Amino acid sequence: MMTHVICGNTLLVTLALATLASCGDQTSSGKEDSRNPQQDAMLGDAGPDAAPGCAPTLDQSQESGDGTVKPVTCHFWAAQPFTAGKTGKLHSVALLLTRLDLDPGGTSYDDLCTTGTSDAGTLEVEFLKMDTSGPTDQVLASSSIPLEPGWNGAQYRTFDLAPMINVTAGDGLAIALRADSSRYKVYWDGTQDESSYPSQYYERTPSRAWEPNCGVGPSPCVDLVFRTYVCP
């Protein structure tokens, strides 16, 4: 039986349930996880679909991953800022995400939104306007996709915007992600290499506004993996 186990900061995929005993109570803990997403990352979908009269092209991207991931749940949002490089209509975004099955026999669902272990749930993306202090509460666009069965390991998942929104080169935006599920926990893959993209990761919970989690205590600066597509 395949089991996902988090030992400290390391994500393991093991075929033996006995491995759980060596990790104590850390399985599916929602802590930051260290692994190499480039080893098993693959396209989980066909990428952005062309809209009528639109041929989406890659604009901004950060595709470096060193095993660092950030968890997302219903109550824990992660956001990656970016600066638009092209003027046109923002068509879609692709994010490198890892999904873990939760063990209903040993996992608390208190931090998850939906009820009932049969509910696969959804992934929700919002594009937020940025200002000098970080992401704002101004939602410019949103999209969601189902957390469908059959998805394991790190995969790019594409969120199409309908309707698309106008962007101008130089606009500052943030990609905000949450997962609403009682069966799965989702991690957004990234890197601690600060030279990978001129930005930084933000997080938000119901009790806290958006804030950078960069160099705060033991938390490293992180940039998350993304690709944005624009119709010029």
Foldseek 3Di string as FASTA:
>chain_A
DWAWAAAPQEIDIDPDPVVNVVRPQRGPVQDWHFDFQVVPEDAPDDAFDADVVFDWDWWDWQADFGRTWHWFAPFKKKKFKDFTAAWFWFWKKKFWKAKHFDDVVRDDQPRADDDDQVAQFKKKKFKFFADPQGGDPHTPWMFMDTNDPDDHGIHIDMTTTVVTHTDHGGGMIMIMMHTHHSTIIMITTWDLPCVSGVTFMWMGGPVGDIDGQDPDVPGHTIHTTMIIIGGD
